[in-house]
Amino acid sequence: MDKNQLQNWISEYLKGTEYELVTLNVSPSNDILVEVDRLSGVDVDFCAELNRYLVEKLDNPSPALPSRESVDYSLEVGSVSLTDPFKTKTQYLKNLGHDVEVLIDGKKLRGLLVSVDDETFSVDVQERVAVEGKKRKELRTTTYTWRYDEPKYVKYDLKF
């Protein structure tokens, strides 16, 4: 499978929509995974339409891709899982005001995603800190700001 051709078809289909491609994986055994997202959430019907569009493209022979008769493939089109790490700025924007989990420097921090811009994002984390003259630690909110590439991952914090 030609991943670049698949990406071109998906970009063509998504053009003019609020959707963006988050993940495109093609395994050696031609298992194709397409994940899309948008600020207002992903519509199941949209995913079904994109799936049909890609099947139509994949089933019609072209120089870039062999036909369905000569190469078997599986295709899965859907939304990003709630528990998957964020990969795009849209996912950060979508979760603004929600609790997130950040893994950075081997340490997990949980807090409220409070700001997102082109280069960085900020999370308010409540921490117990020692206060001079007091025996007990006090709960304080610290705002951490990171570039998108600094943490190992950032994801929605499911609280159970």
N, C-alpha and C. Protein backbone atom coordinates (compact mmCIF):
# COMPACT_ATOMS: atom_id res chain seq x y z
N MET A 1 0.83 -1.19 0.00
CA MET A 1 0.00 0.00 0.00
C MET A 1 0.88 1.25 0.00
N ASP A 2 0.47 2.22 -0.77
CA ASP A 2 1.19 3.48 -0.85
C ASP A 2 0.57 4.46 0.17
N LYS A 3 1.25 4.62 1.29
CA LYS A 3 0.75 5.47 2.37
C LYS A 3 0.57 6.92 1.91
N ASN A 4 1.48 7.39 1.05
CA ASN A 4 1.37 8.77 0.55
C ASN A 4 0.10 8.97 -0.26
N GLN A 5 -0.24 7.97 -1.08
CA GLN A 5 -1.47 8.07 -1.88
C GLN A 5 -2.69 8.08 -0.97
N LEU A 6 -2.67 7.21 0.04
CA LEU A 6 -3.77 7.19 1.01
C LEU A 6 -3.90 8.56 1.69
N GLN A 7 -2.78 9.11 2.11
CA GLN A 7 -2.80 10.42 2.78
C GLN A 7 -3.37 11.49 1.84
N ASN A 8 -2.99 11.44 0.57
CA ASN A 8 -3.52 12.41 -0.40
C ASN A 8 -5.03 12.28 -0.53
N TRP A 9 -5.54 11.05 -0.63
CA TRP A 9 -6.98 10.85 -0.74
C TRP A 9 -7.71 11.35 0.50
N ILE A 10 -7.16 11.07 1.67
CA ILE A 10 -7.79 11.50 2.91
C ILE A 10 -7.78 13.03 2.99
N SER A 11 -6.64 13.64 2.67
CA SER A 11 -6.55 15.12 2.69
C SER A 11 -7.56 15.73 1.73
N GLU A 12 -7.69 15.12 0.56
CA GLU A 12 -8.66 15.58 -0.44
C GLU A 12 -10.08 15.52 0.13
N TYR A 13 -10.40 14.43 0.79
CA TYR A 13 -11.74 14.25 1.35
C TYR A 13 -12.01 15.22 2.50
N LEU A 14 -11.00 15.46 3.33
CA LEU A 14 -11.17 16.31 4.51
C LEU A 14 -11.14 17.80 4.19
N LYS A 15 -10.65 18.14 2.99
CA LYS A 15 -10.55 19.55 2.60
C LYS A 15 -11.92 20.22 2.68
N GLY A 16 -11.96 21.37 3.33
CA GLY A 16 -13.20 22.12 3.46
C GLY A 16 -14.08 21.65 4.62
N THR A 17 -13.61 20.67 5.38
CA THR A 17 -14.34 20.23 6.56
C THR A 17 -13.59 20.71 7.80
N GLU A 18 -14.18 20.52 8.95
CA GLU A 18 -13.51 20.86 10.21
C GLU A 18 -12.64 19.71 10.70
N TYR A 19 -12.68 18.60 9.99
CA TYR A 19 -11.94 17.41 10.42
C TYR A 19 -10.47 17.50 10.04
N GLU A 20 -9.65 16.81 10.86
CA GLU A 20 -8.24 16.69 10.52
C GLU A 20 -7.81 15.24 10.72
N LEU A 21 -6.82 14.84 9.94
CA LEU A 21 -6.25 13.52 10.07
C LEU A 21 -5.32 13.52 11.27
N VAL A 22 -5.53 12.60 12.20
CA VAL A 22 -4.68 12.48 13.37
C VAL A 22 -3.70 11.32 13.19
N THR A 23 -4.21 10.19 12.70
CA THR A 23 -3.39 9.00 12.55
C THR A 23 -3.67 8.32 11.22
N LEU A 24 -2.60 7.92 10.54
CA LEU A 24 -2.71 7.05 9.38
C LEU A 24 -1.60 6.01 9.52
N ASN A 25 -2.01 4.78 9.81
CA ASN A 25 -1.06 3.67 9.93
C ASN A 25 -1.38 2.62 8.89
N VAL A 26 -0.34 2.11 8.25
CA VAL A 26 -0.48 1.00 7.32
C VAL A 26 0.52 -0.07 7.77
N SER A 27 0.00 -1.21 8.19
CA SER A 27 0.87 -2.29 8.67
C SER A 27 1.45 -3.06 7.48
N PRO A 28 2.48 -3.86 7.71
CA PRO A 28 3.04 -4.69 6.63
C PRO A 28 2.01 -5.65 6.02
N SER A 29 0.98 -6.00 6.80
CA SER A 29 -0.06 -6.89 6.27
C SER A 29 -1.25 -6.11 5.72
N ASN A 30 -1.04 -4.81 5.44
CA ASN A 30 -2.05 -3.93 4.83
C ASN A 30 -3.28 -3.71 5.70
N ASP A 31 -3.09 -3.65 7.00
CA ASP A 31 -4.15 -3.21 7.90
C ASP A 31 -4.04 -1.69 7.98
N ILE A 32 -5.08 -1.00 7.55
CA ILE A 32 -5.06 0.45 7.46
C ILE A 32 -5.91 1.03 8.59
N LEU A 33 -5.31 1.92 9.37
CA LEU A 33 -6.02 2.61 10.46
C LEU A 33 -6.01 4.10 10.16
N VAL A 34 -7.20 4.68 10.12
CA VAL A 34 -7.36 6.12 9.89
C VAL A 34 -8.13 6.67 11.08
N GLU A 35 -7.54 7.67 11.76
CA GLU A 35 -8.22 8.33 12.87
C GLU A 35 -8.32 9.81 12.56
N VAL A 36 -9.53 10.35 12.72
CA VAL A 36 -9.78 11.76 12.48
C VAL A 36 -10.34 12.39 13.74
N ASP A 37 -10.30 13.72 13.79
CA ASP A 37 -10.84 14.44 14.94
C ASP A 37 -11.27 15.82 14.48
N ARG A 38 -12.09 16.47 15.31
CA ARG A 38 -12.46 17.87 15.13
C ARG A 38 -12.89 18.42 16.48
N LEU A 39 -12.91 19.73 16.59
CA LEU A 39 -13.21 20.38 17.87
C LEU A 39 -14.56 19.98 18.44
N SER A 40 -15.56 19.87 17.59
CA SER A 40 -16.92 19.58 18.07
C SER A 40 -17.22 18.09 18.15
N GLY A 41 -16.20 17.25 18.01
CA GLY A 41 -16.41 15.81 18.10
C GLY A 41 -16.56 15.18 16.73
N VAL A 42 -16.46 13.87 16.71
CA VAL A 42 -16.48 13.13 15.45
C VAL A 42 -17.84 12.47 15.27
N ASP A 43 -18.39 12.63 14.09
CA ASP A 43 -19.67 12.06 13.73
C ASP A 43 -19.45 10.68 13.10
N VAL A 44 -20.16 9.68 13.60
CA VAL A 44 -20.01 8.31 13.11
C VAL A 44 -20.35 8.23 11.62
N ASP A 45 -21.37 8.97 11.20
CA ASP A 45 -21.76 8.95 9.78
C ASP A 45 -20.63 9.50 8.91
N PHE A 46 -19.92 10.50 9.39
CA PHE A 46 -18.80 11.04 8.64
C PHE A 46 -17.72 9.97 8.45
N CYS A 47 -17.43 9.24 9.51
CA CYS A 47 -16.43 8.16 9.43
C CYS A 47 -16.87 7.09 8.44
N ALA A 48 -18.15 6.76 8.44
CA ALA A 48 -18.67 5.76 7.50
C ALA A 48 -18.53 6.26 6.07
N GLU A 49 -18.81 7.54 5.83
CA GLU A 49 -18.68 8.11 4.50
C GLU A 49 -17.22 8.11 4.04
N LEU A 50 -16.31 8.49 4.94
CA LEU A 50 -14.88 8.47 4.61
C LEU A 50 -14.43 7.04 4.32
N ASN A 51 -14.92 6.09 5.07
CA ASN A 51 -14.60 4.68 4.85
C ASN A 51 -15.05 4.25 3.45
N ARG A 52 -16.29 4.57 3.09
CA ARG A 52 -16.80 4.22 1.75
C ARG A 52 -15.97 4.88 0.65
N TYR A 53 -15.62 6.13 0.85
CA TYR A 53 -14.79 6.86 -0.12
C TYR A 53 -13.45 6.15 -0.32
N LEU A 54 -12.81 5.77 0.78
CA LEU A 54 -11.50 5.10 0.68
C LEU A 54 -11.62 3.72 0.07
N VAL A 55 -12.67 2.98 0.40
CA VAL A 55 -12.89 1.66 -0.20
C VAL A 55 -13.04 1.80 -1.71
N GLU A 56 -13.81 2.80 -2.13
CA GLU A 56 -13.99 3.04 -3.57
C GLU A 56 -12.64 3.32 -4.25
N LYS A 57 -11.83 4.16 -3.62
CA LYS A 57 -10.50 4.47 -4.17
C LYS A 57 -9.61 3.24 -4.17
N LEU A 58 -9.62 2.49 -3.09
CA LEU A 58 -8.76 1.31 -2.97
C LEU A 58 -9.17 0.18 -3.90
N ASP A 59 -10.46 0.06 -4.16
CA ASP A 59 -10.96 -1.03 -5.00
C ASP A 59 -10.82 -0.76 -6.49
N ASN A 60 -10.49 0.48 -6.85
CA ASN A 60 -10.27 0.80 -8.25
C ASN A 60 -8.78 0.80 -8.52
N PRO A 61 -8.32 -0.08 -9.41
CA PRO A 61 -6.87 -0.19 -9.65
C PRO A 61 -6.27 1.13 -10.14
N SER A 62 -5.07 1.38 -9.69
CA SER A 62 -4.33 2.56 -10.13
C SER A 62 -2.86 2.20 -10.10
N PRO A 63 -2.03 2.99 -10.75
CA PRO A 63 -0.59 2.71 -10.70
C PRO A 63 -0.02 2.77 -9.28
N ALA A 64 -0.64 3.58 -8.42
CA ALA A 64 -0.10 3.75 -7.07
C ALA A 64 -0.44 2.56 -6.17
N LEU A 65 -1.63 2.00 -6.36
CA LEU A 65 -2.06 0.92 -5.48
C LEU A 65 -2.60 -0.25 -6.29
N PRO A 66 -2.29 -1.46 -5.88
CA PRO A 66 -2.85 -2.62 -6.56
C PRO A 66 -4.34 -2.75 -6.25
N SER A 67 -5.05 -3.50 -7.06
CA SER A 67 -6.49 -3.67 -6.87
C SER A 67 -6.77 -4.60 -5.69
N ARG A 68 -8.00 -4.56 -5.24
CA ARG A 68 -8.45 -5.40 -4.11
C ARG A 68 -8.28 -6.88 -4.43
N GLU A 69 -8.43 -7.24 -5.69
CA GLU A 69 -8.30 -8.64 -6.08
C GLU A 69 -6.86 -9.14 -5.91
N SER A 70 -5.88 -8.27 -6.08
CA SER A 70 -4.50 -8.72 -5.99
C SER A 70 -3.88 -8.51 -4.61
N VAL A 71 -4.41 -7.59 -3.82
CA VAL A 71 -3.88 -7.34 -2.47
C VAL A 71 -5.04 -7.20 -1.50
N ASP A 72 -5.02 -8.00 -0.47
CA ASP A 72 -6.05 -7.92 0.55
C ASP A 72 -5.66 -6.85 1.57
N TYR A 73 -6.65 -6.14 2.09
CA TYR A 73 -6.39 -5.14 3.10
C TYR A 73 -7.57 -5.08 4.05
N SER A 74 -7.35 -4.52 5.21
CA SER A 74 -8.46 -4.18 6.11
C SER A 74 -8.39 -2.68 6.34
N LEU A 75 -9.54 -2.08 6.51
CA LEU A 75 -9.63 -0.63 6.67
C LEU A 75 -10.49 -0.30 7.87
N GLU A 76 -9.94 0.51 8.77
CA GLU A 76 -10.69 0.98 9.93
C GLU A 76 -10.60 2.49 9.96
N VAL A 77 -11.77 3.14 9.93
CA VAL A 77 -11.84 4.60 10.00
C VAL A 77 -12.64 4.96 11.24
N GLY A 78 -12.08 5.81 12.08
CA GLY A 78 -12.79 6.20 13.29
C GLY A 78 -12.20 7.42 13.94
N SER A 79 -12.67 7.66 15.15
CA SER A 79 -12.18 8.80 15.92
C SER A 79 -11.06 8.34 16.83
N VAL A 80 -10.35 9.31 17.34
CA VAL A 80 -9.27 9.03 18.27
C VAL A 80 -9.88 8.57 19.59
N SER A 81 -9.27 7.60 20.21
CA SER A 81 -9.75 7.09 21.49
C SER A 81 -9.57 8.15 22.57
N LEU A 82 -10.48 8.16 23.50
CA LEU A 82 -10.43 9.11 24.61
C LEU A 82 -9.17 8.93 25.44
N THR A 83 -8.62 7.72 25.45
CA THR A 83 -7.45 7.44 26.28
C THR A 83 -6.13 7.55 25.53
N ASP A 84 -6.17 7.86 24.24
CA ASP A 84 -4.94 8.00 23.46
C ASP A 84 -4.26 9.34 23.75
N PRO A 85 -2.92 9.36 23.72
CA PRO A 85 -2.21 10.64 23.87
C PRO A 85 -2.58 11.62 22.75
N PHE A 86 -2.53 12.90 23.09
CA PHE A 86 -2.81 13.94 22.10
C PHE A 86 -1.70 13.97 21.06
N LYS A 87 -2.10 14.17 19.81
CA LYS A 87 -1.13 14.24 18.71
C LYS A 87 -1.20 15.56 17.96
N THR A 88 -2.32 16.26 18.09
CA THR A 88 -2.49 17.51 17.34
C THR A 88 -2.95 18.64 18.26
N LYS A 89 -2.75 19.86 17.81
CA LYS A 89 -3.17 21.03 18.58
C LYS A 89 -4.69 21.03 18.77
N THR A 90 -5.42 20.53 17.79
CA THR A 90 -6.88 20.46 17.89
C THR A 90 -7.30 19.64 19.10
N GLN A 91 -6.57 18.57 19.38
CA GLN A 91 -6.90 17.74 20.54
C GLN A 91 -6.67 18.51 21.85
N TYR A 92 -5.64 19.34 21.88
CA TYR A 92 -5.41 20.18 23.06
C TYR A 92 -6.56 21.19 23.20
N LEU A 93 -6.91 21.84 22.10
CA LEU A 93 -7.99 22.82 22.13
C LEU A 93 -9.32 22.18 22.54
N LYS A 94 -9.56 20.98 22.04
CA LYS A 94 -10.79 20.25 22.35
C LYS A 94 -10.89 19.94 23.84
N ASN A 95 -9.75 19.77 24.50
CA ASN A 95 -9.71 19.39 25.91
C ASN A 95 -9.40 20.56 26.85
N LEU A 96 -9.38 21.77 26.31
CA LEU A 96 -9.17 22.96 27.12
C LEU A 96 -10.26 23.02 28.20
N GLY A 97 -9.83 23.20 29.46
CA GLY A 97 -10.78 23.24 30.56
C GLY A 97 -11.08 21.87 31.16
N HIS A 98 -10.44 20.84 30.63
CA HIS A 98 -10.61 19.48 31.17
C HIS A 98 -9.34 19.03 31.88
N ASP A 99 -9.50 18.01 32.71
CA ASP A 99 -8.34 17.43 33.39
C ASP A 99 -7.54 16.58 32.42
N VAL A 100 -6.21 16.71 32.51
CA VAL A 100 -5.31 15.93 31.67
C VAL A 100 -4.23 15.28 32.52
N GLU A 101 -3.62 14.27 31.94
CA GLU A 101 -2.47 13.61 32.57
C GLU A 101 -1.27 13.88 31.68
N VAL A 102 -0.17 14.32 32.31
CA VAL A 102 1.05 14.66 31.58
C VAL A 102 2.17 13.78 32.12
N LEU A 103 2.87 13.10 31.23
CA LEU A 103 4.06 12.34 31.63
C LEU A 103 5.27 13.10 31.12
N ILE A 104 6.07 13.62 32.05
CA ILE A 104 7.26 14.38 31.69
C ILE A 104 8.38 14.04 32.67
N ASP A 105 9.54 13.79 32.13
CA ASP A 105 10.71 13.45 32.95
C ASP A 105 10.42 12.29 33.91
N GLY A 106 9.66 11.32 33.45
CA GLY A 106 9.35 10.14 34.25
C GLY A 106 8.34 10.37 35.35
N LYS A 107 7.73 11.56 35.39
CA LYS A 107 6.78 11.91 36.45
C LYS A 107 5.40 12.19 35.84
N LYS A 108 4.36 11.58 36.43
CA LYS A 108 3.00 11.84 35.99
C LYS A 108 2.42 12.99 36.79
N LEU A 109 1.90 13.96 36.09
CA LEU A 109 1.21 15.09 36.72
C LEU A 109 -0.21 15.12 36.20
N ARG A 110 -1.13 15.45 37.07
CA ARG A 110 -2.53 15.57 36.67
C ARG A 110 -2.98 16.98 37.02
N GLY A 111 -3.72 17.58 36.09
CA GLY A 111 -4.21 18.92 36.34
C GLY A 111 -5.17 19.38 35.27
N LEU A 112 -5.52 20.64 35.34
CA LEU A 112 -6.49 21.25 34.44
C LEU A 112 -5.75 21.94 33.29
N LEU A 113 -6.12 21.58 32.06
CA LEU A 113 -5.54 22.23 30.87
C LEU A 113 -6.15 23.63 30.78
N VAL A 114 -5.31 24.66 31.00
CA VAL A 114 -5.84 26.02 31.12
C VAL A 114 -5.54 26.94 29.93
N SER A 115 -4.52 26.59 29.13
CA SER A 115 -4.26 27.42 27.95
C SER A 115 -3.53 26.62 26.89
N VAL A 116 -3.78 27.05 25.65
CA VAL A 116 -3.19 26.41 24.47
C VAL A 116 -2.87 27.53 23.49
N ASP A 117 -1.63 27.55 22.98
CA ASP A 117 -1.31 28.49 21.91
C ASP A 117 -0.52 27.76 20.83
N ASP A 118 0.07 28.49 19.92
CA ASP A 118 0.77 27.85 18.80
C ASP A 118 1.99 27.05 19.22
N GLU A 119 2.66 27.46 20.28
CA GLU A 119 3.92 26.83 20.68
C GLU A 119 3.83 26.00 21.96
N THR A 120 2.92 26.40 22.88
CA THR A 120 2.91 25.80 24.21
C THR A 120 1.49 25.54 24.70
N PHE A 121 1.42 24.81 25.81
CA PHE A 121 0.17 24.62 26.53
C PHE A 121 0.48 24.71 28.02
N SER A 122 -0.53 25.03 28.83
CA SER A 122 -0.34 25.18 30.27
C SER A 122 -1.36 24.34 31.03
N VAL A 123 -0.87 23.78 32.16
CA VAL A 123 -1.70 22.94 33.01
C VAL A 123 -1.57 23.43 34.44
N ASP A 124 -2.71 23.62 35.12
CA ASP A 124 -2.72 23.95 36.54
C ASP A 124 -2.71 22.64 37.32
N VAL A 125 -1.68 22.46 38.15
CA VAL A 125 -1.53 21.25 38.94
C VAL A 125 -1.59 21.61 40.42
N GLN A 126 -2.43 20.90 41.15
CA GLN A 126 -2.50 21.11 42.60
C GLN A 126 -1.47 20.20 43.26
N GLU A 127 -0.61 20.81 44.07
CA GLU A 127 0.46 20.06 44.73
C GLU A 127 0.53 20.44 46.20
N ARG A 128 0.96 19.50 46.99
CA ARG A 128 1.22 19.78 48.42
C ARG A 128 2.65 20.27 48.53
N VAL A 129 2.82 21.45 49.09
CA VAL A 129 4.15 22.04 49.21
C VAL A 129 4.43 22.41 50.66
N ALA A 130 5.71 22.32 51.02
CA ALA A 130 6.12 22.70 52.38
C ALA A 130 6.11 24.22 52.49
N VAL A 131 5.56 24.69 53.60
CA VAL A 131 5.50 26.13 53.86
C VAL A 131 6.33 26.39 55.11
N GLU A 132 7.22 27.36 54.99
CA GLU A 132 8.10 27.68 56.11
C GLU A 132 7.28 28.06 57.35
N GLY A 133 7.65 27.47 58.48
CA GLY A 133 6.97 27.77 59.74
C GLY A 133 5.73 26.93 59.99
N LYS A 134 5.39 26.04 59.05
CA LYS A 134 4.22 25.18 59.24
C LYS A 134 4.65 23.72 59.16
N LYS A 135 4.00 22.91 59.99
CA LYS A 135 4.34 21.49 60.01
C LYS A 135 3.73 20.73 58.84
N ARG A 136 2.56 21.14 58.47
CA ARG A 136 1.83 20.42 57.40
C ARG A 136 2.03 21.11 56.06
N LYS A 137 2.10 20.29 55.04
CA LYS A 137 2.18 20.84 53.68
C LYS A 137 0.82 21.42 53.30
N GLU A 138 0.86 22.46 52.49
CA GLU A 138 -0.38 23.09 52.03
C GLU A 138 -0.59 22.79 50.55
N LEU A 139 -1.85 22.77 50.19
CA LEU A 139 -2.22 22.53 48.80
C LEU A 139 -2.12 23.84 48.03
N ARG A 140 -1.31 23.86 47.00
CA ARG A 140 -1.12 25.04 46.17
C ARG A 140 -1.29 24.65 44.70
N THR A 141 -1.74 25.61 43.92
CA THR A 141 -1.86 25.38 42.48
C THR A 141 -0.65 25.99 41.79
N THR A 142 0.02 25.16 40.98
CA THR A 142 1.17 25.60 40.20
C THR A 142 0.82 25.46 38.73
N THR A 143 1.09 26.50 37.96
CA THR A 143 0.85 26.43 36.52
C THR A 143 2.15 26.05 35.83
N TYR A 144 2.10 24.95 35.10
CA TYR A 144 3.25 24.49 34.31
C TYR A 144 2.96 24.76 32.84
N THR A 145 3.97 25.25 32.15
CA THR A 145 3.84 25.50 30.71
C THR A 145 4.93 24.72 30.00
N TRP A 146 4.53 23.98 28.97
CA TRP A 146 5.47 23.16 28.19
C TRP A 146 5.24 23.38 26.70
N ARG A 147 6.30 23.14 25.94
CA ARG A 147 6.17 23.04 24.48
C ARG A 147 5.51 21.68 24.19
N TYR A 148 4.87 21.57 23.07
CA TYR A 148 4.16 20.33 22.72
C TYR A 148 5.09 19.12 22.66
N ASP A 149 6.35 19.35 22.32
CA ASP A 149 7.27 18.22 22.16
C ASP A 149 7.99 17.83 23.47
N GLU A 150 7.76 18.53 24.55
CA GLU A 150 8.47 18.25 25.80
C GLU A 150 7.95 17.01 26.55
N PRO A 151 6.66 16.88 26.82
CA PRO A 151 6.20 15.70 27.55
C PRO A 151 6.28 14.44 26.69
N LYS A 152 6.40 13.31 27.37
CA LYS A 152 6.35 12.04 26.64
C LYS A 152 4.94 11.85 26.09
N TYR A 153 3.94 12.20 26.91
CA TYR A 153 2.56 12.21 26.42
C TYR A 153 1.70 13.14 27.26
N VAL A 154 0.59 13.53 26.66
CA VAL A 154 -0.47 14.27 27.33
C VAL A 154 -1.76 13.61 26.88
N LYS A 155 -2.64 13.30 27.82
CA LYS A 155 -3.92 12.69 27.44
C LYS A 155 -5.00 13.10 28.42
N TYR A 156 -6.23 12.90 27.99
CA TYR A 156 -7.38 13.18 28.82
C TYR A 156 -7.29 12.32 30.07
N ASP A 157 -7.56 12.91 31.22
CA ASP A 157 -7.48 12.18 32.49
C ASP A 157 -8.83 11.62 32.86
N LEU A 158 -8.97 10.32 32.68
CA LEU A 158 -10.19 9.63 33.08
C LEU A 158 -10.14 9.41 34.58
N LYS A 159 -11.14 9.87 35.27
CA LYS A 159 -11.17 9.69 36.73
C LYS A 159 -12.16 8.60 37.07
N PHE A 160 -11.67 7.55 37.67
CA PHE A 160 -12.55 6.44 38.07
C PHE A 160 -12.52 6.28 39.56
